[in-house]
Amino acid sequence: MNAAEIKNFIIENLKNKLQQFDISHGEIKKDFDFVQSGLLDSMAFVEMISEMEQHFNVEIDFEKIDKEDAFTTLRGVNELFLNA
């Protein structure tokens, strides 16, 4: 698994939402914030992380995370999964 695979998984799974919010794939950069953009609420974000854990066969230990933005940006999601 690498950063490109993570991004592609997210874009593929959020394809309909991205269209609803008129957000292009090119706008999903490292600092894109899934929650602040309104694309996902906190519950939907947790569901996405859960789907990613299953897809990539990784378990995220949320108790070890000390950065709040780790839960909201593409950069943070990459860090979660690449360091798991």
N, C-alpha and C. Protein backbone atom coordinates (compact mmCIF):
# COMPACT_ATOMS: atom_id res chain seq x y z
N MET A 1 0.85 -1.17 0.00
CA MET A 1 0.00 0.00 0.00
C MET A 1 0.90 1.23 0.00
N ASN A 2 0.50 2.23 -0.80
CA ASN A 2 1.22 3.49 -0.83
C ASN A 2 0.21 4.64 -0.86
N ALA A 3 0.72 5.86 -0.84
CA ALA A 3 -0.15 7.04 -0.77
C ALA A 3 -1.09 7.13 -1.96
N ALA A 4 -0.61 6.77 -3.14
CA ALA A 4 -1.47 6.83 -4.34
C ALA A 4 -2.62 5.83 -4.23
N GLU A 5 -2.35 4.64 -3.73
CA GLU A 5 -3.41 3.64 -3.56
C GLU A 5 -4.45 4.11 -2.55
N ILE A 6 -3.99 4.74 -1.49
CA ILE A 6 -4.91 5.27 -0.48
C ILE A 6 -5.81 6.34 -1.10
N LYS A 7 -5.20 7.27 -1.80
CA LYS A 7 -5.97 8.35 -2.44
C LYS A 7 -6.96 7.79 -3.45
N ASN A 8 -6.52 6.85 -4.26
CA ASN A 8 -7.41 6.25 -5.26
C ASN A 8 -8.59 5.54 -4.61
N PHE A 9 -8.33 4.83 -3.51
CA PHE A 9 -9.41 4.16 -2.79
C PHE A 9 -10.43 5.18 -2.31
N ILE A 10 -9.95 6.26 -1.71
CA ILE A 10 -10.84 7.29 -1.19
C ILE A 10 -11.67 7.92 -2.32
N ILE A 11 -11.01 8.29 -3.41
CA ILE A 11 -11.71 8.92 -4.53
C ILE A 11 -12.76 7.98 -5.11
N GLU A 12 -12.41 6.73 -5.28
CA GLU A 12 -13.36 5.76 -5.83
C GLU A 12 -14.57 5.59 -4.91
N ASN A 13 -14.33 5.52 -3.62
CA ASN A 13 -15.42 5.31 -2.67
C ASN A 13 -16.26 6.55 -2.40
N LEU A 14 -15.70 7.72 -2.70
CA LEU A 14 -16.44 8.97 -2.49
C LEU A 14 -16.88 9.59 -3.81
N LYS A 15 -16.83 8.83 -4.89
CA LYS A 15 -17.12 9.35 -6.23
C LYS A 15 -18.45 10.11 -6.27
N ASN A 16 -19.51 9.52 -5.74
CA ASN A 16 -20.83 10.17 -5.77
C ASN A 16 -20.85 11.44 -4.94
N LYS A 17 -20.25 11.39 -3.76
CA LYS A 17 -20.20 12.58 -2.89
C LYS A 17 -19.41 13.70 -3.55
N LEU A 18 -18.29 13.35 -4.18
CA LEU A 18 -17.48 14.35 -4.86
C LEU A 18 -18.28 15.06 -5.95
N GLN A 19 -19.08 14.29 -6.67
CA GLN A 19 -19.93 14.88 -7.70
C GLN A 19 -20.99 15.78 -7.08
N GLN A 20 -21.60 15.34 -5.99
CA GLN A 20 -22.63 16.14 -5.32
C GLN A 20 -22.09 17.48 -4.85
N PHE A 21 -20.86 17.47 -4.36
CA PHE A 21 -20.25 18.69 -3.82
C PHE A 21 -19.45 19.45 -4.87
N ASP A 22 -19.47 18.94 -6.11
CA ASP A 22 -18.74 19.56 -7.21
C ASP A 22 -17.26 19.74 -6.87
N ILE A 23 -16.68 18.67 -6.34
CA ILE A 23 -15.25 18.66 -5.99
C ILE A 23 -14.56 17.74 -6.99
N SER A 24 -13.57 18.27 -7.70
CA SER A 24 -12.84 17.46 -8.68
C SER A 24 -11.77 16.64 -7.99
N HIS A 25 -11.35 15.58 -8.67
CA HIS A 25 -10.29 14.73 -8.12
C HIS A 25 -9.01 15.53 -7.87
N GLY A 26 -8.77 16.51 -8.72
CA GLY A 26 -7.58 17.34 -8.59
C GLY A 26 -7.56 18.18 -7.33
N GLU A 27 -8.72 18.42 -6.76
CA GLU A 27 -8.80 19.21 -5.52
C GLU A 27 -8.43 18.39 -4.28
N ILE A 28 -8.38 17.08 -4.42
CA ILE A 28 -8.05 16.21 -3.29
C ILE A 28 -6.53 16.14 -3.19
N LYS A 29 -5.98 17.11 -2.51
CA LYS A 29 -4.53 17.18 -2.30
C LYS A 29 -4.24 16.82 -0.84
N LYS A 30 -2.97 16.80 -0.48
CA LYS A 30 -2.57 16.34 0.87
C LYS A 30 -3.27 17.08 2.00
N ASP A 31 -3.52 18.36 1.83
CA ASP A 31 -4.13 19.13 2.91
C ASP A 31 -5.65 19.24 2.78
N PHE A 32 -6.24 18.49 1.84
CA PHE A 32 -7.68 18.50 1.71
C PHE A 32 -8.30 17.95 2.98
N ASP A 33 -9.22 18.70 3.54
CA ASP A 33 -9.87 18.31 4.80
C ASP A 33 -11.26 17.76 4.49
N PHE A 34 -11.45 16.49 4.74
CA PHE A 34 -12.71 15.83 4.42
C PHE A 34 -13.88 16.34 5.24
N VAL A 35 -13.63 16.71 6.48
CA VAL A 35 -14.70 17.16 7.37
C VAL A 35 -14.97 18.65 7.17
N GLN A 36 -13.93 19.49 7.20
CA GLN A 36 -14.14 20.92 7.04
C GLN A 36 -14.72 21.28 5.68
N SER A 37 -14.44 20.47 4.67
CA SER A 37 -14.99 20.73 3.35
C SER A 37 -16.49 20.43 3.30
N GLY A 38 -16.98 19.69 4.30
CA GLY A 38 -18.38 19.29 4.32
C GLY A 38 -18.64 18.00 3.56
N LEU A 39 -17.61 17.45 2.96
CA LEU A 39 -17.75 16.22 2.19
C LEU A 39 -18.20 15.07 3.08
N LEU A 40 -17.63 14.97 4.27
CA LEU A 40 -17.98 13.92 5.23
C LEU A 40 -18.24 14.53 6.59
N ASP A 41 -19.22 13.98 7.29
CA ASP A 41 -19.36 14.33 8.70
C ASP A 41 -18.51 13.34 9.50
N SER A 42 -18.42 13.52 10.79
CA SER A 42 -17.52 12.68 11.58
C SER A 42 -17.88 11.20 11.51
N MET A 43 -19.17 10.89 11.48
CA MET A 43 -19.59 9.50 11.43
C MET A 43 -19.23 8.88 10.08
N ALA A 44 -19.45 9.60 9.00
CA ALA A 44 -19.10 9.10 7.66
C ALA A 44 -17.59 8.92 7.54
N PHE A 45 -16.83 9.80 8.18
CA PHE A 45 -15.38 9.69 8.14
C PHE A 45 -14.92 8.41 8.83
N VAL A 46 -15.50 8.12 9.98
CA VAL A 46 -15.16 6.89 10.72
C VAL A 46 -15.52 5.66 9.88
N GLU A 47 -16.66 5.71 9.21
CA GLU A 47 -17.05 4.60 8.34
C GLU A 47 -16.05 4.41 7.21
N MET A 48 -15.57 5.52 6.63
CA MET A 48 -14.58 5.42 5.56
C MET A 48 -13.30 4.79 6.08
N ILE A 49 -12.84 5.20 7.25
CA ILE A 49 -11.62 4.62 7.83
C ILE A 49 -11.82 3.13 8.06
N SER A 50 -12.98 2.75 8.54
CA SER A 50 -13.27 1.33 8.79
C SER A 50 -13.22 0.53 7.48
N GLU A 51 -13.79 1.07 6.42
CA GLU A 51 -13.75 0.41 5.12
C GLU A 51 -12.31 0.29 4.62
N MET A 52 -11.52 1.32 4.88
CA MET A 52 -10.13 1.29 4.46
C MET A 52 -9.35 0.25 5.25
N GLU A 53 -9.62 0.13 6.54
CA GLU A 53 -8.96 -0.89 7.35
C GLU A 53 -9.22 -2.28 6.77
N GLN A 54 -10.45 -2.52 6.40
CA GLN A 54 -10.81 -3.82 5.82
C GLN A 54 -10.13 -4.02 4.47
N HIS A 55 -10.20 -3.01 3.63
CA HIS A 55 -9.63 -3.11 2.28
C HIS A 55 -8.12 -3.35 2.32
N PHE A 56 -7.42 -2.58 3.15
CA PHE A 56 -5.96 -2.67 3.20
C PHE A 56 -5.46 -3.66 4.25
N ASN A 57 -6.39 -4.32 4.94
CA ASN A 57 -6.06 -5.31 5.97
C ASN A 57 -5.11 -4.72 7.03
N VAL A 58 -5.54 -3.57 7.56
CA VAL A 58 -4.76 -2.83 8.55
C VAL A 58 -5.69 -2.48 9.70
N GLU A 59 -5.15 -2.48 10.91
CA GLU A 59 -5.92 -2.02 12.05
C GLU A 59 -5.27 -0.77 12.61
N ILE A 60 -6.05 0.30 12.70
CA ILE A 60 -5.56 1.58 13.20
C ILE A 60 -5.78 1.63 14.71
N ASP A 61 -4.72 1.96 15.44
CA ASP A 61 -4.82 2.12 16.89
C ASP A 61 -5.03 3.61 17.17
N PHE A 62 -6.29 3.99 17.33
CA PHE A 62 -6.65 5.40 17.50
C PHE A 62 -6.15 5.99 18.81
N GLU A 63 -5.85 5.16 19.78
CA GLU A 63 -5.37 5.65 21.08
C GLU A 63 -3.96 6.21 20.98
N LYS A 64 -3.21 5.81 19.98
CA LYS A 64 -1.83 6.28 19.82
C LYS A 64 -1.73 7.57 19.02
N ILE A 65 -2.84 8.04 18.52
CA ILE A 65 -2.83 9.23 17.66
C ILE A 65 -3.00 10.48 18.52
N ASP A 66 -2.10 11.44 18.34
CA ASP A 66 -2.16 12.66 19.15
C ASP A 66 -2.43 13.92 18.32
N LYS A 67 -2.58 13.78 17.01
CA LYS A 67 -2.83 14.94 16.16
C LYS A 67 -4.29 14.92 15.70
N GLU A 68 -5.02 15.99 15.92
CA GLU A 68 -6.41 16.04 15.50
C GLU A 68 -6.57 16.01 13.99
N ASP A 69 -5.66 16.65 13.25
CA ASP A 69 -5.82 16.67 11.80
C ASP A 69 -5.56 15.31 11.18
N ALA A 70 -5.02 14.37 11.95
CA ALA A 70 -4.81 13.03 11.44
C ALA A 70 -6.14 12.39 11.04
N PHE A 71 -7.21 12.88 11.58
CA PHE A 71 -8.51 12.31 11.29
C PHE A 71 -9.25 13.05 10.18
N THR A 72 -8.69 14.10 9.65
CA THR A 72 -9.48 14.89 8.72
C THR A 72 -8.84 15.16 7.36
N THR A 73 -7.54 15.12 7.24
CA THR A 73 -6.89 15.46 5.98
C THR A 73 -6.37 14.22 5.25
N LEU A 74 -6.16 14.36 3.95
CA LEU A 74 -5.58 13.26 3.20
C LEU A 74 -4.20 12.93 3.75
N ARG A 75 -3.43 13.94 4.09
CA ARG A 75 -2.11 13.73 4.67
C ARG A 75 -2.22 12.89 5.95
N GLY A 76 -3.17 13.23 6.78
CA GLY A 76 -3.37 12.50 8.03
C GLY A 76 -3.79 11.07 7.82
N VAL A 77 -4.68 10.85 6.86
CA VAL A 77 -5.11 9.48 6.56
C VAL A 77 -3.94 8.67 6.04
N ASN A 78 -3.13 9.29 5.17
CA ASN A 78 -1.93 8.60 4.67
C ASN A 78 -1.02 8.20 5.83
N GLU A 79 -0.79 9.11 6.75
CA GLU A 79 0.07 8.82 7.89
C GLU A 79 -0.49 7.68 8.73
N LEU A 80 -1.80 7.71 8.95
CA LEU A 80 -2.44 6.64 9.73
C LEU A 80 -2.17 5.28 9.12
N PHE A 81 -2.38 5.16 7.83
CA PHE A 81 -2.28 3.85 7.19
C PHE A 81 -0.88 3.45 6.84
N LEU A 82 -0.04 4.39 6.46
CA LEU A 82 1.33 4.04 6.10
C LEU A 82 2.19 3.74 7.32
N ASN A 83 1.76 4.22 8.49
CA ASN A 83 2.52 3.97 9.72
C ASN A 83 1.87 2.92 10.61
N ALA A 84 0.82 2.27 10.12
CA ALA A 84 0.11 1.27 10.93
C ALA A 84 0.89 -0.02 11.01
